[in-house]
């Protein structure tokens, strides 16, 4: 980097980290709900076990009364803040270390995440009093998406492009901060912030009582309702190690006490009902999947490509009749019981959840 770039990068990183801290301080109960009991830092690599939680649909199960669209919006903003800021800081770090591959990967993840969040926020019917929060949130998503587009091709040769991308990350962070400040319904700290759901001697209710079973199909449409696709999750398997295929294979080995859970995801283009111009539909990105188990949440590894265990799942655009399948790779505790584990995807305003069940 040139002397000017580290200064801009540090400012952007400080802005992101500062806002992340404010989310945890201002909304500790929301973070406990959406980002349950982070386990990173207890022997795992940063990002392996990240308390990203879920977006509004999962929070609905924890609240006594159905949520309004205003409350859904504010929970969406609070829950989205952590992954948005995490991806932003990781891009700044990749720029600083000149890690071209990591930069492209994180930029693609950021673009996919912002597209999904934009659709979710735009679909909610909120009162005029909540419009400022939504406007700031959408402005933040626009800035983050623009930064991802600028950095999607790797480390820019033009310093001005780098400065523009870092500036957009900082501006997006500022808009996100404004959106959080405009939120009025989020609970702060205190014993009455969330209702008590059950006494300690009662058996805990399923985290997602209406979850799909492994192998069940979830259907969705693109934003224009022109194309339909389906997702099927399962079967799954485990492995302590795996390696990539090719001339320079990379070996992956789980840490002591952990294993890799390989979850099959299959996406299929079901049909087109538009005017024939746009006949392709995007599958969800890896970053939109979250594995829930007990009090922790886990993110999949970035797609490693072809492996000796089979293909890995990654985001693609499907044409009519096309289908793609591959594994999501999660590093999880060795004693994880799939019968109590759930996989959640965020697709626009919908968040389907599957109970994983037994592994092979």
Protein backbone atom coordinates (compact mmCIF):
# COMPACT_ATOMS: atom_id res chain seq x y z
CA UNK A 1 0.00 0.00 0.00
CA UNK A 2 1.03 3.59 -0.51
CA UNK A 3 1.46 5.82 2.60
CA UNK A 4 -2.01 7.25 2.13
CA UNK A 5 -3.82 3.93 1.89
CA UNK A 6 -3.00 2.58 5.38
CA UNK A 7 -4.37 5.78 6.89
CA UNK A 8 -7.67 5.41 5.03
CA UNK A 9 -7.78 1.69 5.79
CA UNK A 10 -7.21 2.27 9.51
CA UNK A 11 -9.97 4.89 9.61
CA UNK A 12 -12.40 2.55 7.86
CA UNK A 13 -11.50 -0.32 10.19
CA UNK A 14 -11.84 1.87 13.29
CA UNK A 15 -15.28 3.01 12.13
CA UNK A 16 -16.43 -0.59 11.63
CA UNK A 17 -15.01 -1.83 14.94
CA UNK A 18 -16.43 1.15 16.81
CA UNK A 19 -19.92 0.52 15.48
CA UNK A 20 -19.63 -3.20 16.24
CA UNK A 21 -18.82 -2.33 19.85
CA UNK A 22 -21.75 0.08 20.02
CA UNK A 23 -24.14 -2.66 18.84
CA UNK A 24 -22.98 -4.91 21.67
CA UNK A 25 -23.16 -2.12 24.25
CA UNK A 26 -26.45 -0.53 23.20
CA UNK A 27 -28.40 -3.71 22.49
CA UNK A 28 -26.94 -6.49 24.67
CA UNK A 29 -30.23 -8.37 24.89
CA UNK A 30 -30.76 -8.29 21.14
CA UNK A 31 -27.21 -9.52 20.67
CA UNK A 32 -27.87 -12.31 23.15
CA UNK A 33 -30.95 -13.26 21.13
CA UNK A 34 -29.59 -12.85 17.63
CA UNK A 35 -25.96 -13.61 18.40
CA UNK A 36 -26.18 -16.27 21.09
CA UNK A 37 -23.18 -16.96 23.32
CA UNK A 38 -20.21 -16.52 20.99
CA UNK A 39 -17.73 -19.34 21.35
CA UNK A 40 -14.94 -17.99 19.17
CA UNK A 41 -11.70 -17.37 20.94
CA UNK A 42 -11.92 -20.56 23.00
CA UNK A 43 -9.60 -22.55 20.80
CA UNK A 44 -11.18 -21.91 17.40
CA UNK A 45 -9.97 -19.73 14.58
CA UNK A 46 -11.58 -16.29 14.31
CA UNK A 47 -14.78 -16.59 12.32
CA UNK A 48 -15.18 -20.35 12.77
CA UNK A 49 -17.89 -19.96 15.39
CA UNK A 50 -19.49 -16.58 14.92
CA UNK A 51 -22.55 -15.43 16.80
CA UNK A 52 -24.34 -14.18 13.73
CA UNK A 53 -27.63 -15.63 14.90
CA UNK A 54 -30.55 -15.30 12.58
CA UNK A 55 -32.64 -12.53 11.22
CA UNK A 56 -36.23 -11.80 12.26
CA UNK A 57 -37.78 -15.21 11.66
CA UNK A 58 -35.68 -16.94 14.33
CA UNK A 59 -36.23 -14.13 16.80
CA UNK A 60 -40.00 -14.58 16.40
CA UNK A 61 -39.73 -17.90 18.23
CA UNK A 62 -38.28 -16.13 21.27
CA UNK A 63 -40.85 -13.38 21.58
CA UNK A 64 -44.23 -13.86 23.23
CA UNK A 65 -46.18 -11.76 20.72
CA UNK A 66 -45.98 -11.67 16.89
CA UNK A 67 -43.70 -8.93 15.70
CA UNK A 68 -44.78 -5.96 13.65
CA UNK A 69 -42.91 -5.05 10.46
CA UNK A 70 -41.32 -2.15 12.37
CA UNK A 71 -39.88 -4.60 14.91
CA UNK A 72 -38.82 -6.97 12.13
CA UNK A 73 -36.97 -4.13 10.41
CA UNK A 74 -35.14 -3.14 13.56
CA UNK A 75 -34.16 -6.72 14.38
CA UNK A 76 -33.00 -7.11 10.77
CA UNK A 77 -30.80 -4.01 11.14
CA UNK A 78 -29.34 -5.17 14.46
CA UNK A 79 -28.76 -8.72 13.25
CA UNK A 80 -27.24 -7.60 9.93
CA UNK A 81 -24.78 -5.21 11.56
CA UNK A 82 -22.38 -7.91 12.72
CA UNK A 83 -21.87 -9.76 9.39
CA UNK A 84 -21.74 -6.48 7.44
CA UNK A 85 -19.06 -5.05 9.71
CA UNK A 86 -17.16 -8.33 9.90
CA UNK A 87 -16.95 -8.57 6.10
CA UNK A 88 -15.94 -4.90 5.89
CA UNK A 89 -13.08 -5.30 8.37
CA UNK A 90 -11.93 -8.48 6.60
CA UNK A 91 -11.76 -6.59 3.30
CA UNK A 92 -9.69 -3.83 4.91
CA UNK A 93 -7.37 -6.50 6.33
CA UNK A 94 -7.07 -8.23 2.94
CA UNK A 95 -6.14 -4.91 1.33
CA UNK A 96 -3.54 -4.24 3.99
CA UNK A 97 -1.97 -7.71 3.66
CA UNK A 98 -2.31 -7.74 -0.15
CA UNK A 99 -4.32 -10.98 0.00
CA UNK A 100 -5.98 -10.86 -3.41
CA UNK A 101 -7.93 -14.13 -3.11
CA UNK A 102 -9.36 -13.27 0.31
CA UNK A 103 -10.34 -9.80 -0.93
CA UNK A 104 -12.27 -11.18 -3.90
CA UNK A 105 -13.98 -13.77 -1.70
CA UNK A 106 -15.07 -11.28 0.95
CA UNK A 107 -16.20 -8.77 -1.67
CA UNK A 108 -18.42 -11.42 -3.29
CA UNK A 109 -19.83 -12.39 0.12
CA UNK A 110 -20.58 -8.74 0.91
CA UNK A 111 -22.41 -8.23 -2.39
CA UNK A 112 -24.50 -11.37 -1.90
CA UNK A 113 -25.36 -10.44 1.68
CA UNK A 114 -26.34 -6.85 0.83
CA UNK A 115 -28.58 -8.03 -2.02
CA UNK A 116 -30.44 -10.40 0.31
CA UNK A 117 -30.77 -7.79 3.07
CA UNK A 118 -31.95 -5.13 0.62
CA UNK A 119 -34.79 -7.36 -0.56
CA UNK A 120 -35.75 -8.14 3.03
CA UNK A 121 -35.83 -4.49 4.12
CA UNK A 122 -37.66 -3.27 1.02
CA UNK A 123 -40.45 -5.85 1.40
CA UNK A 124 -41.46 -4.73 4.90
CA UNK A 125 -44.44 -2.39 5.30
CA UNK A 126 -43.38 0.07 7.98
CA UNK A 127 -44.94 3.22 9.37
CA UNK A 128 -43.56 6.69 8.51
CA UNK A 129 -41.86 6.76 11.89
CA UNK A 130 -39.66 3.82 10.90
CA UNK A 131 -38.80 5.12 7.42
CA UNK A 132 -35.66 6.98 8.60
CA UNK A 133 -34.20 3.76 9.96
CA UNK A 134 -34.98 1.90 6.75
CA UNK A 135 -33.63 4.74 4.57
CA UNK A 136 -30.34 4.82 6.47
CA UNK A 137 -30.12 1.01 6.35
CA UNK A 138 -30.71 0.86 2.60
CA UNK A 139 -28.19 3.70 2.08
CA UNK A 140 -25.68 1.64 4.10
CA UNK A 141 -26.38 -1.44 1.96
CA UNK A 142 -25.84 0.62 -1.22
CA UNK A 143 -22.44 1.78 0.05
CA UNK A 144 -21.35 -1.70 1.16
CA UNK A 145 -22.49 -3.19 -2.16
CA UNK A 146 -20.58 -0.52 -4.10
CA UNK A 147 -17.43 -1.27 -2.09
CA UNK A 148 -17.85 -4.97 -2.82
CA UNK A 149 -18.20 -4.24 -6.54
CA UNK A 150 -15.05 -2.09 -6.54
CA UNK A 151 -13.02 -4.78 -4.76
CA UNK A 152 -14.58 -7.80 -6.44
CA UNK A 153 -11.83 -8.03 -9.03
CA UNK A 154 -9.08 -8.16 -6.43
CA UNK A 155 -6.58 -5.55 -5.29
CA UNK A 156 -7.09 -2.51 -7.54
CA UNK A 157 -4.15 -1.25 -9.56
CA UNK A 158 -5.49 2.29 -9.27
CA UNK A 159 -5.03 3.84 -5.81
CA UNK A 160 -8.10 6.02 -6.37
CA UNK A 161 -10.27 2.91 -6.68
CA UNK A 162 -8.93 1.59 -3.38
CA UNK A 163 -9.57 4.94 -1.69
CA UNK A 164 -13.11 5.04 -3.11
CA UNK A 165 -13.86 1.52 -1.84
CA UNK A 166 -12.52 2.28 1.64
CA UNK A 167 -14.48 5.53 1.69
CA UNK A 168 -17.67 3.68 0.80
CA UNK A 169 -17.07 1.17 3.61
CA UNK A 170 -16.68 4.07 6.04
CA UNK A 171 -19.79 5.84 4.67
CA UNK A 172 -21.78 2.60 4.84
CA UNK A 173 -20.72 2.19 8.46
CA UNK A 174 -21.89 5.74 9.22
CA UNK A 175 -25.30 5.08 7.63
CA UNK A 176 -25.57 1.82 9.56
CA UNK A 177 -24.86 3.71 12.78
CA UNK A 178 -27.63 6.18 11.93
CA UNK A 179 -30.03 3.30 11.22
CA UNK A 180 -29.30 1.76 14.62
CA UNK A 181 -29.82 5.09 16.36
CA UNK A 182 -33.21 5.45 14.61
CA UNK A 183 -34.40 2.10 15.99
CA UNK A 184 -37.02 2.54 18.69
CA UNK A 185 -38.34 -0.95 19.48
CA UNK A 186 -35.14 -2.84 20.22
CA UNK A 187 -34.88 -3.95 23.86
CA UNK A 188 -31.92 -2.71 25.86
CA UNK A 189 -30.55 -4.32 29.01
CA UNK A 190 -32.73 -5.25 31.93
CA UNK A 191 -34.54 -8.25 33.40
CA UNK A 192 -37.82 -7.48 31.60
CA UNK A 193 -36.33 -6.86 28.17
CA UNK A 194 -37.34 -10.32 26.93
CA UNK A 195 -40.04 -12.53 28.41
CA UNK A 196 -39.18 -15.59 30.44
CA UNK A 197 -40.13 -18.52 28.25
CA UNK A 198 -39.98 -21.52 30.56
CA UNK A 199 -38.96 -22.58 34.03
CA UNK A 200 -35.58 -24.24 34.45
CA UNK A 201 -37.01 -27.68 35.09
CA UNK A 202 -39.02 -27.76 31.85
CA UNK A 203 -37.62 -29.41 28.75
CA UNK A 204 -36.57 -26.65 26.33
CA UNK A 205 -38.78 -26.23 23.28
CA UNK A 206 -37.26 -26.84 19.85
CA UNK A 207 -35.43 -23.79 18.57
CA UNK A 208 -37.31 -24.01 15.26
CA UNK A 209 -40.49 -26.04 15.84
CA UNK A 210 -41.66 -25.64 12.23
CA UNK A 211 -38.32 -26.55 10.65
CA UNK A 212 -38.25 -28.56 7.46
CA UNK A 213 -36.87 -32.07 7.66
CA UNK A 214 -33.63 -33.06 5.97
CA UNK A 215 -34.44 -33.80 2.32
CA UNK A 216 -37.52 -31.53 2.20
CA UNK A 217 -37.75 -28.98 -0.61
CA UNK A 218 -38.06 -25.22 -0.10
CA UNK A 219 -39.21 -23.19 -3.13
CA UNK A 220 -38.55 -19.51 -3.73
CA UNK A 221 -38.85 -16.88 -6.48
CA UNK A 222 -36.42 -14.23 -7.65
CA UNK A 223 -37.11 -10.57 -6.82
CA UNK A 224 -39.19 -10.03 -9.98
CA UNK A 225 -41.19 -13.24 -9.56
CA UNK A 226 -40.05 -14.37 -13.01
CA UNK A 227 -38.08 -17.47 -12.05
CA UNK A 228 -38.54 -20.14 -9.40
CA UNK A 229 -35.99 -22.37 -7.74
CA UNK A 230 -35.80 -24.87 -4.91
CA UNK A 231 -33.35 -25.78 -2.18
CA UNK A 232 -32.95 -29.21 -0.60
CA UNK A 233 -30.66 -29.75 2.40
CA UNK A 234 -29.21 -33.17 3.20
CA UNK A 235 -27.84 -35.73 3.50
CA UNK A 236 -24.78 -34.95 5.60
CA UNK A 237 -21.57 -36.66 6.64
CA UNK A 238 -18.54 -36.03 8.85
CA UNK A 239 -14.81 -36.04 8.34
CA UNK A 240 -11.82 -35.08 10.45
CA UNK A 241 -9.85 -34.15 7.33
CA UNK A 242 -10.34 -33.43 3.64
CA UNK A 243 -8.29 -31.91 0.87
CA UNK A 244 -8.89 -29.97 -2.30
CA UNK A 245 -8.41 -31.53 -5.71
CA UNK A 246 -6.02 -30.31 -8.37
CA UNK A 247 -2.30 -29.90 -8.89
CA UNK A 248 -1.76 -28.08 -5.58
CA UNK A 249 -4.10 -29.75 -3.06
CA UNK A 250 -4.78 -27.99 0.25
CA UNK A 251 -5.23 -30.16 3.35
CA UNK A 252 -7.90 -29.24 5.91
CA UNK A 253 -7.68 -30.83 9.37
CA UNK A 254 -10.15 -30.10 12.16
CA UNK A 255 -8.79 -28.94 15.50
CA UNK A 256 -8.65 -31.26 18.48
CA UNK A 257 -12.17 -31.97 19.72
CA UNK A 258 -13.72 -30.83 16.45
CA UNK A 259 -14.76 -32.34 13.15
CA UNK A 260 -16.03 -31.16 9.80
CA UNK A 261 -19.75 -31.55 9.19
CA UNK A 262 -20.42 -31.72 5.45
CA UNK A 263 -23.98 -30.68 4.62
CA UNK A 264 -25.30 -31.27 1.11
CA UNK A 265 -27.21 -28.38 -0.48
CA UNK A 266 -28.95 -28.87 -3.83
CA UNK A 267 -30.44 -25.95 -5.79
CA UNK A 268 -32.65 -26.44 -8.87
CA UNK A 269 -34.17 -23.99 -11.36
CA UNK A 270 -37.86 -24.96 -11.43
CA UNK A 271 -39.14 -22.74 -14.23
CA UNK A 272 -39.55 -19.33 -15.84
CA UNK A 273 -42.80 -17.40 -16.15
CA UNK A 274 -41.57 -14.00 -17.31
CA UNK A 275 -41.13 -12.55 -20.79
CA UNK A 276 -38.12 -14.71 -21.63
CA UNK A 277 -35.49 -12.00 -21.20
CA UNK A 278 -34.17 -12.98 -17.76
CA UNK A 279 -34.34 -16.76 -17.39
CA UNK A 280 -31.62 -17.20 -14.75
CA UNK A 281 -31.92 -17.23 -10.97
CA UNK A 282 -29.20 -16.84 -8.34
CA UNK A 283 -28.69 -19.46 -5.66
CA UNK A 284 -27.99 -18.26 -2.09
CA UNK A 285 -24.36 -17.50 -1.24
CA UNK A 286 -22.50 -19.62 1.31
CA UNK A 287 -22.45 -16.64 3.68
CA UNK A 288 -26.27 -16.67 3.92
CA UNK A 289 -26.27 -20.10 5.63
CA UNK A 290 -26.01 -20.42 9.41
CA UNK A 291 -25.81 -23.65 11.42
CA UNK A 292 -27.54 -23.46 14.82
CA UNK A 293 -26.61 -25.89 17.57
CA UNK A 294 -27.39 -25.48 21.28
CA UNK A 295 -26.31 -21.95 22.21
CA UNK A 296 -23.89 -21.48 19.30
CA UNK A 297 -24.03 -20.58 15.63
CA UNK A 298 -21.54 -21.64 12.99
CA UNK A 299 -20.67 -20.28 9.57
CA UNK A 300 -19.52 -22.47 6.68
CA UNK A 301 -15.98 -22.32 5.38
CA UNK A 302 -15.50 -20.34 2.21
CA UNK A 303 -16.05 -22.70 -0.71
CA UNK A 304 -12.80 -24.70 -1.12
CA UNK A 305 -13.75 -25.87 -4.62
CA UNK A 306 -13.56 -29.54 -5.66
CA UNK A 307 -12.42 -31.85 -2.84
CA UNK A 308 -11.69 -35.53 -2.29
CA UNK A 309 -15.04 -35.70 -0.48
CA UNK A 310 -16.98 -34.22 -3.40
CA UNK A 311 -17.98 -30.84 -4.80
CA UNK A 312 -18.39 -27.87 -2.51
CA UNK A 313 -21.48 -25.65 -2.67
CA UNK A 314 -21.10 -22.07 -3.93
CA UNK A 315 -23.35 -19.35 -5.31
CA UNK A 316 -24.17 -19.66 -9.03
CA UNK A 317 -26.75 -18.42 -11.55
CA UNK A 318 -28.94 -21.29 -12.78
CA UNK A 319 -30.60 -21.44 -16.17
CA UNK A 320 -33.83 -23.25 -16.94
CA UNK A 321 -33.76 -26.84 -15.73
CA UNK A 322 -30.25 -26.55 -14.31
CA UNK A 323 -29.29 -27.91 -10.92
CA UNK A 324 -26.22 -27.70 -8.71
CA UNK A 325 -25.27 -29.60 -5.56
CA UNK A 326 -22.33 -29.53 -3.20
CA UNK A 327 -21.22 -29.55 0.41
CA UNK A 328 -21.18 -26.73 2.92
CA UNK A 329 -18.24 -27.39 5.25
CA UNK A 330 -18.72 -26.55 8.95
CA UNK A 331 -16.09 -27.06 11.64
CA UNK A 332 -18.12 -28.13 14.67
CA UNK A 333 -17.68 -29.86 18.04
CA UNK A 334 -16.95 -33.55 17.65
CA UNK A 335 -19.93 -34.47 19.83
CA UNK A 336 -22.45 -32.38 17.85
CA UNK A 337 -25.77 -34.20 17.58
CA UNK A 338 -27.35 -33.47 14.16
CA UNK A 339 -30.76 -34.32 15.62
CA UNK A 340 -30.53 -31.02 17.52
CA UNK A 341 -28.80 -29.00 14.78
CA UNK A 342 -30.51 -26.68 12.32
CA UNK A 343 -29.39 -25.10 9.06
CA UNK A 344 -30.90 -21.72 8.21
CA UNK A 345 -30.68 -19.84 4.92
CA UNK A 346 -31.59 -16.20 4.27
CA UNK A 347 -33.28 -15.72 0.88
CA UNK A 348 -34.77 -12.26 0.47
CA UNK A 349 -37.43 -11.87 3.16
CA UNK A 350 -37.59 -15.62 3.85
CA UNK A 351 -35.43 -17.68 6.19
CA UNK A 352 -36.12 -21.39 5.70
CA UNK A 353 -34.72 -23.73 8.36
CA UNK A 354 -33.97 -27.45 8.15
CA UNK A 355 -33.51 -29.90 11.03
CA UNK A 356 -30.38 -31.76 9.96
CA UNK A 357 -31.19 -35.12 11.60
CA UNK A 358 -28.75 -38.01 11.52
CA UNK A 359 -25.40 -37.96 9.73
CA UNK A 360 -24.11 -40.82 7.64
